[in-house]
Amino acid sequence: MKNKRWKTSDETVSSLYYHILWCVKYKRELLVDDVKKRLEDLLYEKSREIDITIVSIEIMPECVHLFVKANPEDSPHFIVQQFKGATSKVLREEFIQLKTKIPTLWTRNYYVSSSGILNEAEINTYLESQKNK
C-alpha cells in the first residue's frame, strides 16, 4: 500500500506541500455563486492534469487559497501559472461579467509558502545525529 504522506516516482520520494494564494484583479469580489463552483471544478480538473494533489481549497469572493502536495520537478511558479492560466481563460469565456468588470481575472502576484511533515527543529536534530554515525 502506498503511503499518502509521500509522492513517489522511479527517482524520488518527496513530501512537498505548498500554501498558495492569489487574488482577483483589484480584489473585486467576483468569485461567488456559479463562478466559485466552476472555479473549484476547474482547479480540481487542472490538478489531475498536472498531477498535483489539492489537499484543501478555500475560494473567497476576492481570492483563492490552495494547499497542495506537489512533485519535486514542479516549481511553485509553474503550479501557479498552470492554475491561474487555465482558470482565467475558461471563466472569462463562460462568465461575460468577468470580461466587462476587469481587464484580467487575476493579479500578477501570488503568495507561496512551503510546508512539510518535518519541521526545522526535527531536521536539525536528525542532521546532528548523523554526525555521530
N, C-alpha and C. Protein backbone atom coordinates (compact mmCIF):
# COMPACT_ATOMS: atom_id res chain seq x y z
N MET A 1 0.84 -1.18 0.00
CA MET A 1 0.00 0.00 0.00
C MET A 1 0.89 1.25 0.00
N LYS A 2 0.54 2.21 -0.82
CA LYS A 2 1.29 3.46 -0.94
C LYS A 2 1.01 4.35 0.25
N ASN A 3 2.07 4.94 0.79
CA ASN A 3 1.90 5.89 1.88
C ASN A 3 1.46 7.23 1.30
N LYS A 4 0.36 7.77 1.79
CA LYS A 4 -0.20 9.02 1.26
C LYS A 4 0.63 10.24 1.65
N ARG A 5 1.56 10.09 2.61
CA ARG A 5 2.38 11.23 3.02
C ARG A 5 3.39 11.63 1.95
N TRP A 6 3.79 10.69 1.12
CA TRP A 6 4.84 10.94 0.14
C TRP A 6 4.34 10.74 -1.27
N LYS A 7 4.95 11.48 -2.18
CA LYS A 7 4.78 11.24 -3.62
C LYS A 7 6.02 10.49 -4.05
N THR A 8 5.84 9.48 -4.86
CA THR A 8 6.99 8.69 -5.30
C THR A 8 7.03 8.59 -6.81
N SER A 9 8.24 8.46 -7.32
CA SER A 9 8.46 8.17 -8.73
C SER A 9 9.62 7.20 -8.78
N ASP A 10 10.08 6.88 -9.96
CA ASP A 10 11.22 5.98 -10.07
C ASP A 10 12.48 6.57 -9.45
N GLU A 11 12.58 7.90 -9.44
CA GLU A 11 13.80 8.57 -8.97
C GLU A 11 13.67 9.23 -7.60
N THR A 12 12.47 9.51 -7.14
CA THR A 12 12.34 10.32 -5.92
C THR A 12 11.25 9.83 -4.98
N VAL A 13 11.44 10.22 -3.74
CA VAL A 13 10.39 10.15 -2.73
C VAL A 13 10.35 11.56 -2.15
N SER A 14 9.19 12.18 -2.15
CA SER A 14 9.13 13.57 -1.72
C SER A 14 7.90 13.84 -0.87
N SER A 15 8.00 14.92 -0.13
CA SER A 15 6.90 15.42 0.68
C SER A 15 6.93 16.94 0.59
N LEU A 16 6.41 17.46 -0.50
CA LEU A 16 6.42 18.90 -0.76
C LEU A 16 4.99 19.42 -0.74
N TYR A 17 4.75 20.31 0.19
CA TYR A 17 3.44 20.92 0.30
C TYR A 17 3.60 22.43 0.16
N TYR A 18 2.64 23.05 -0.53
CA TYR A 18 2.67 24.50 -0.69
C TYR A 18 1.31 25.09 -0.35
N HIS A 19 1.35 26.20 0.38
CA HIS A 19 0.15 27.02 0.56
C HIS A 19 0.28 28.13 -0.48
N ILE A 20 -0.70 28.21 -1.36
CA ILE A 20 -0.67 29.17 -2.47
C ILE A 20 -1.90 30.07 -2.36
N LEU A 21 -1.68 31.35 -2.57
CA LEU A 21 -2.76 32.33 -2.51
C LEU A 21 -2.61 33.29 -3.68
N TRP A 22 -3.71 33.58 -4.36
CA TRP A 22 -3.70 34.65 -5.36
C TRP A 22 -5.06 35.33 -5.35
N CYS A 23 -5.07 36.55 -5.88
CA CYS A 23 -6.27 37.40 -5.78
C CYS A 23 -6.83 37.78 -7.14
N VAL A 24 -8.10 38.14 -7.11
CA VAL A 24 -8.77 38.71 -8.27
C VAL A 24 -8.21 40.12 -8.48
N LYS A 25 -8.08 40.52 -9.73
CA LYS A 25 -7.61 41.87 -10.06
C LYS A 25 -8.44 42.90 -9.30
N TYR A 26 -7.76 43.87 -8.71
CA TYR A 26 -8.37 44.94 -7.92
C TYR A 26 -9.13 44.41 -6.69
N LYS A 27 -8.89 43.15 -6.34
CA LYS A 27 -9.57 42.50 -5.21
C LYS A 27 -11.09 42.61 -5.30
N ARG A 28 -11.58 42.56 -6.51
CA ARG A 28 -13.03 42.59 -6.72
C ARG A 28 -13.64 41.29 -6.22
N GLU A 29 -14.78 41.34 -5.63
CA GLU A 29 -15.44 40.16 -5.06
C GLU A 29 -16.30 39.49 -6.13
N LEU A 30 -15.64 38.77 -7.00
CA LEU A 30 -16.31 38.15 -8.15
C LEU A 30 -16.41 36.63 -8.07
N LEU A 31 -15.72 36.02 -7.11
CA LEU A 31 -15.70 34.56 -7.01
C LEU A 31 -16.83 34.08 -6.10
N VAL A 32 -18.04 34.22 -6.60
CA VAL A 32 -19.23 33.86 -5.84
C VAL A 32 -20.15 33.01 -6.70
N ASP A 33 -21.04 32.29 -6.04
CA ASP A 33 -22.11 31.52 -6.68
C ASP A 33 -21.58 30.59 -7.78
N ASP A 34 -22.08 30.73 -9.00
CA ASP A 34 -21.70 29.82 -10.10
C ASP A 34 -20.23 29.96 -10.48
N VAL A 35 -19.69 31.16 -10.38
CA VAL A 35 -18.28 31.38 -10.71
C VAL A 35 -17.40 30.60 -9.72
N LYS A 36 -17.74 30.68 -8.45
CA LYS A 36 -16.98 29.97 -7.41
C LYS A 36 -17.02 28.46 -7.64
N LYS A 37 -18.18 27.93 -7.90
CA LYS A 37 -18.33 26.49 -8.12
C LYS A 37 -17.55 26.05 -9.36
N ARG A 38 -17.66 26.80 -10.43
CA ARG A 38 -16.95 26.45 -11.67
C ARG A 38 -15.44 26.54 -11.46
N LEU A 39 -14.99 27.56 -10.74
CA LEU A 39 -13.56 27.71 -10.45
C LEU A 39 -13.05 26.49 -9.68
N GLU A 40 -13.78 26.07 -8.67
CA GLU A 40 -13.37 24.89 -7.90
C GLU A 40 -13.26 23.65 -8.79
N ASP A 41 -14.24 23.45 -9.65
CA ASP A 41 -14.21 22.31 -10.58
C ASP A 41 -12.98 22.40 -11.50
N LEU A 42 -12.71 23.58 -12.01
CA LEU A 42 -11.56 23.77 -12.91
C LEU A 42 -10.24 23.53 -12.20
N LEU A 43 -10.13 23.95 -10.96
CA LEU A 43 -8.90 23.74 -10.20
C LEU A 43 -8.64 22.25 -9.98
N TYR A 44 -9.68 21.52 -9.62
CA TYR A 44 -9.51 20.07 -9.43
C TYR A 44 -9.18 19.38 -10.76
N GLU A 45 -9.83 19.82 -11.82
CA GLU A 45 -9.56 19.27 -13.15
C GLU A 45 -8.10 19.49 -13.55
N LYS A 46 -7.62 20.72 -13.37
CA LYS A 46 -6.24 21.05 -13.71
C LYS A 46 -5.25 20.31 -12.82
N SER A 47 -5.60 20.14 -11.56
CA SER A 47 -4.70 19.43 -10.64
C SER A 47 -4.50 17.98 -11.08
N ARG A 48 -5.55 17.36 -11.56
CA ARG A 48 -5.41 15.98 -12.06
C ARG A 48 -4.54 15.96 -13.33
N GLU A 49 -4.73 16.96 -14.17
CA GLU A 49 -3.99 17.03 -15.43
C GLU A 49 -2.48 17.19 -15.20
N ILE A 50 -2.10 17.98 -14.19
CA ILE A 50 -0.67 18.22 -13.95
C ILE A 50 -0.14 17.40 -12.76
N ASP A 51 -0.94 16.48 -12.25
CA ASP A 51 -0.54 15.56 -11.18
C ASP A 51 -0.12 16.30 -9.90
N ILE A 52 -0.96 17.24 -9.50
CA ILE A 52 -0.79 17.96 -8.24
C ILE A 52 -2.01 17.60 -7.38
N THR A 53 -1.78 17.28 -6.12
CA THR A 53 -2.88 16.93 -5.23
C THR A 53 -3.35 18.15 -4.46
N ILE A 54 -4.61 18.49 -4.58
CA ILE A 54 -5.17 19.57 -3.78
C ILE A 54 -5.60 18.96 -2.45
N VAL A 55 -4.91 19.36 -1.38
CA VAL A 55 -5.21 18.87 -0.04
C VAL A 55 -6.41 19.61 0.52
N SER A 56 -6.41 20.92 0.34
CA SER A 56 -7.57 21.72 0.74
C SER A 56 -7.65 22.96 -0.14
N ILE A 57 -8.84 23.50 -0.18
CA ILE A 57 -9.11 24.65 -1.04
C ILE A 57 -10.10 25.57 -0.33
N GLU A 58 -9.86 26.86 -0.45
CA GLU A 58 -10.80 27.85 0.07
C GLU A 58 -10.90 28.96 -0.97
N ILE A 59 -12.08 29.11 -1.53
CA ILE A 59 -12.31 30.17 -2.50
C ILE A 59 -13.15 31.23 -1.82
N MET A 60 -12.54 32.40 -1.66
CA MET A 60 -13.21 33.53 -1.06
C MET A 60 -13.66 34.45 -2.19
N PRO A 61 -14.53 35.40 -1.94
CA PRO A 61 -15.03 36.23 -3.04
C PRO A 61 -13.95 36.95 -3.84
N GLU A 62 -12.79 37.27 -3.19
CA GLU A 62 -11.75 38.02 -3.88
C GLU A 62 -10.42 37.28 -4.02
N CYS A 63 -10.31 36.05 -3.49
CA CYS A 63 -9.03 35.34 -3.59
C CYS A 63 -9.21 33.83 -3.47
N VAL A 64 -8.13 33.13 -3.81
CA VAL A 64 -8.09 31.67 -3.78
C VAL A 64 -6.95 31.23 -2.88
N HIS A 65 -7.25 30.32 -1.97
CA HIS A 65 -6.22 29.68 -1.14
C HIS A 65 -6.20 28.20 -1.50
N LEU A 66 -5.02 27.69 -1.81
CA LEU A 66 -4.85 26.26 -2.06
C LEU A 66 -3.76 25.72 -1.16
N PHE A 67 -3.94 24.52 -0.68
CA PHE A 67 -2.88 23.78 -0.01
C PHE A 67 -2.69 22.53 -0.86
N VAL A 68 -1.53 22.42 -1.49
CA VAL A 68 -1.31 21.36 -2.47
C VAL A 68 -0.09 20.52 -2.10
N LYS A 69 -0.13 19.27 -2.55
CA LYS A 69 1.03 18.38 -2.48
C LYS A 69 1.58 18.30 -3.89
N ALA A 70 2.88 18.61 -4.03
CA ALA A 70 3.46 18.76 -5.36
C ALA A 70 4.57 17.73 -5.62
N ASN A 71 4.93 17.65 -6.87
CA ASN A 71 6.05 16.82 -7.30
C ASN A 71 7.32 17.66 -7.25
N PRO A 72 8.48 17.05 -6.98
CA PRO A 72 9.71 17.84 -6.88
C PRO A 72 10.12 18.51 -8.18
N GLU A 73 9.69 18.00 -9.31
CA GLU A 73 10.06 18.62 -10.58
C GLU A 73 9.17 19.82 -10.94
N ASP A 74 8.12 20.07 -10.18
CA ASP A 74 7.20 21.19 -10.45
C ASP A 74 7.46 22.33 -9.49
N SER A 75 7.93 23.45 -10.00
CA SER A 75 8.18 24.61 -9.15
C SER A 75 6.86 25.24 -8.74
N PRO A 76 6.86 25.96 -7.62
CA PRO A 76 5.64 26.68 -7.23
C PRO A 76 5.17 27.64 -8.33
N HIS A 77 6.12 28.29 -8.99
CA HIS A 77 5.76 29.23 -10.07
C HIS A 77 5.02 28.50 -11.20
N PHE A 78 5.51 27.34 -11.59
CA PHE A 78 4.84 26.54 -12.62
C PHE A 78 3.41 26.18 -12.18
N ILE A 79 3.26 25.75 -10.95
CA ILE A 79 1.94 25.34 -10.44
C ILE A 79 0.97 26.51 -10.49
N VAL A 80 1.41 27.67 -10.01
CA VAL A 80 0.55 28.86 -10.01
C VAL A 80 0.18 29.25 -11.44
N GLN A 81 1.16 29.26 -12.34
CA GLN A 81 0.89 29.60 -13.74
C GLN A 81 -0.17 28.67 -14.34
N GLN A 82 -0.04 27.38 -14.07
CA GLN A 82 -0.99 26.41 -14.62
C GLN A 82 -2.40 26.67 -14.10
N PHE A 83 -2.53 26.86 -12.80
CA PHE A 83 -3.85 27.09 -12.21
C PHE A 83 -4.46 28.42 -12.67
N LYS A 84 -3.69 29.48 -12.61
CA LYS A 84 -4.22 30.79 -12.97
C LYS A 84 -4.54 30.89 -14.46
N GLY A 85 -3.65 30.37 -15.29
CA GLY A 85 -3.85 30.45 -16.74
C GLY A 85 -5.07 29.68 -17.21
N ALA A 86 -5.19 28.45 -16.76
CA ALA A 86 -6.30 27.61 -17.19
C ALA A 86 -7.64 28.14 -16.69
N THR A 87 -7.69 28.57 -15.44
CA THR A 87 -8.97 29.02 -14.89
C THR A 87 -9.40 30.37 -15.46
N SER A 88 -8.46 31.27 -15.66
CA SER A 88 -8.81 32.59 -16.20
C SER A 88 -9.44 32.47 -17.58
N LYS A 89 -8.81 31.70 -18.43
CA LYS A 89 -9.30 31.55 -19.81
C LYS A 89 -10.74 31.03 -19.84
N VAL A 90 -10.99 29.94 -19.14
CA VAL A 90 -12.32 29.32 -19.17
C VAL A 90 -13.36 30.19 -18.49
N LEU A 91 -13.04 30.71 -17.32
CA LEU A 91 -14.02 31.52 -16.59
C LEU A 91 -14.41 32.77 -17.37
N ARG A 92 -13.45 33.42 -18.00
CA ARG A 92 -13.76 34.63 -18.77
C ARG A 92 -14.57 34.32 -20.02
N GLU A 93 -14.42 33.11 -20.56
CA GLU A 93 -15.25 32.71 -21.70
C GLU A 93 -16.68 32.40 -21.26
N GLU A 94 -16.82 31.78 -20.10
CA GLU A 94 -18.13 31.32 -19.64
C GLU A 94 -18.95 32.37 -18.89
N PHE A 95 -18.27 33.33 -18.27
CA PHE A 95 -18.95 34.35 -17.47
C PHE A 95 -18.56 35.73 -18.00
N ILE A 96 -19.41 36.28 -18.84
CA ILE A 96 -19.10 37.53 -19.55
C ILE A 96 -18.83 38.69 -18.59
N GLN A 97 -19.45 38.68 -17.41
CA GLN A 97 -19.22 39.76 -16.45
C GLN A 97 -17.76 39.83 -16.01
N LEU A 98 -17.03 38.74 -16.11
CA LEU A 98 -15.62 38.74 -15.74
C LEU A 98 -14.77 39.47 -16.79
N LYS A 99 -15.29 39.56 -18.01
CA LYS A 99 -14.59 40.31 -19.05
C LYS A 99 -14.92 41.79 -19.00
N THR A 100 -16.13 42.11 -18.58
CA THR A 100 -16.56 43.51 -18.61
C THR A 100 -16.19 44.29 -17.36
N LYS A 101 -16.00 43.61 -16.22
CA LYS A 101 -15.73 44.31 -14.97
C LYS A 101 -14.25 44.56 -14.71
N ILE A 102 -13.37 43.71 -15.26
CA ILE A 102 -11.93 43.85 -15.02
C ILE A 102 -11.16 43.44 -16.27
N PRO A 103 -9.97 44.04 -16.49
CA PRO A 103 -9.21 43.74 -17.72
C PRO A 103 -8.62 42.32 -17.74
N THR A 104 -8.25 41.80 -16.59
CA THR A 104 -7.77 40.42 -16.45
C THR A 104 -8.37 39.87 -15.18
N LEU A 105 -8.50 38.56 -15.09
CA LEU A 105 -9.14 37.99 -13.90
C LEU A 105 -8.23 38.05 -12.68
N TRP A 106 -6.98 37.64 -12.84
CA TRP A 106 -6.07 37.52 -11.71
C TRP A 106 -5.02 38.62 -11.71
N THR A 107 -4.55 38.99 -10.51
CA THR A 107 -3.39 39.86 -10.42
C THR A 107 -2.16 39.05 -10.85
N ARG A 108 -1.07 39.73 -11.12
CA ARG A 108 0.17 39.03 -11.47
C ARG A 108 0.81 38.40 -10.23
N ASN A 109 0.49 38.92 -9.08
CA ASN A 109 1.11 38.49 -7.83
C ASN A 109 0.52 37.20 -7.31
N TYR A 110 1.29 36.54 -6.45
CA TYR A 110 0.79 35.41 -5.69
C TYR A 110 1.67 35.23 -4.47
N TYR A 111 1.17 34.49 -3.52
CA TYR A 111 1.91 34.16 -2.30
C TYR A 111 2.09 32.66 -2.28
N VAL A 112 3.28 32.21 -1.85
CA VAL A 112 3.50 30.78 -1.67
C VAL A 112 4.39 30.56 -0.46
N SER A 113 4.04 29.56 0.33
CA SER A 113 4.93 29.14 1.41
C SER A 113 5.00 27.62 1.36
N SER A 114 6.14 27.10 1.73
CA SER A 114 6.32 25.65 1.70
C SER A 114 6.03 25.07 3.07
N SER A 115 5.68 23.82 3.05
CA SER A 115 5.38 23.11 4.28
C SER A 115 5.79 21.66 4.07
N GLY A 116 5.97 20.97 5.16
CA GLY A 116 6.32 19.57 5.05
C GLY A 116 5.97 18.85 6.33
N ILE A 117 6.27 17.58 6.38
CA ILE A 117 5.95 16.77 7.54
C ILE A 117 6.91 17.09 8.69
N LEU A 118 8.17 17.34 8.34
CA LEU A 118 9.18 17.63 9.36
C LEU A 118 9.36 19.13 9.50
N ASN A 119 9.53 19.57 10.74
CA ASN A 119 9.82 20.99 10.93
C ASN A 119 11.33 21.20 11.04
N GLU A 120 11.74 22.44 11.10
CA GLU A 120 13.17 22.78 11.10
C GLU A 120 13.91 22.12 12.26
N ALA A 121 13.33 22.12 13.44
CA ALA A 121 13.99 21.54 14.61
C ALA A 121 14.22 20.03 14.42
N GLU A 122 13.22 19.34 13.88
CA GLU A 122 13.36 17.90 13.64
C GLU A 122 14.45 17.60 12.62
N ILE A 123 14.52 18.40 11.59
CA ILE A 123 15.55 18.19 10.56
C ILE A 123 16.93 18.45 11.15
N ASN A 124 17.09 19.52 11.93
CA ASN A 124 18.38 19.80 12.56
C ASN A 124 18.79 18.70 13.52
N THR A 125 17.86 18.19 14.29
CA THR A 125 18.15 17.08 15.21
C THR A 125 18.62 15.86 14.43
N TYR A 126 17.94 15.55 13.35
CA TYR A 126 18.33 14.41 12.52
C TYR A 126 19.73 14.60 11.95
N LEU A 127 20.01 15.78 11.42
CA LEU A 127 21.32 16.05 10.84
C LEU A 127 22.43 15.95 11.88
N GLU A 128 22.17 16.46 13.07
CA GLU A 128 23.16 16.36 14.15
C GLU A 128 23.41 14.89 14.52
N SER A 129 22.37 14.09 14.52
CA SER A 129 22.53 12.67 14.88
C SER A 129 23.35 11.92 13.84
N GLN A 130 23.37 12.41 12.61
CA GLN A 130 24.13 11.75 11.54
C GLN A 130 25.63 11.95 11.70
N LYS A 131 26.04 13.00 12.41
CA LYS A 131 27.46 13.27 12.62
C LYS A 131 28.12 12.15 13.44
N ASN A 132 27.38 11.54 14.32
CA ASN A 132 27.93 10.54 15.22
C ASN A 132 27.92 9.13 14.65
N LYS A 133 27.48 8.97 13.44
CA LYS A 133 27.39 7.62 12.84
C LYS A 133 28.63 7.28 12.09
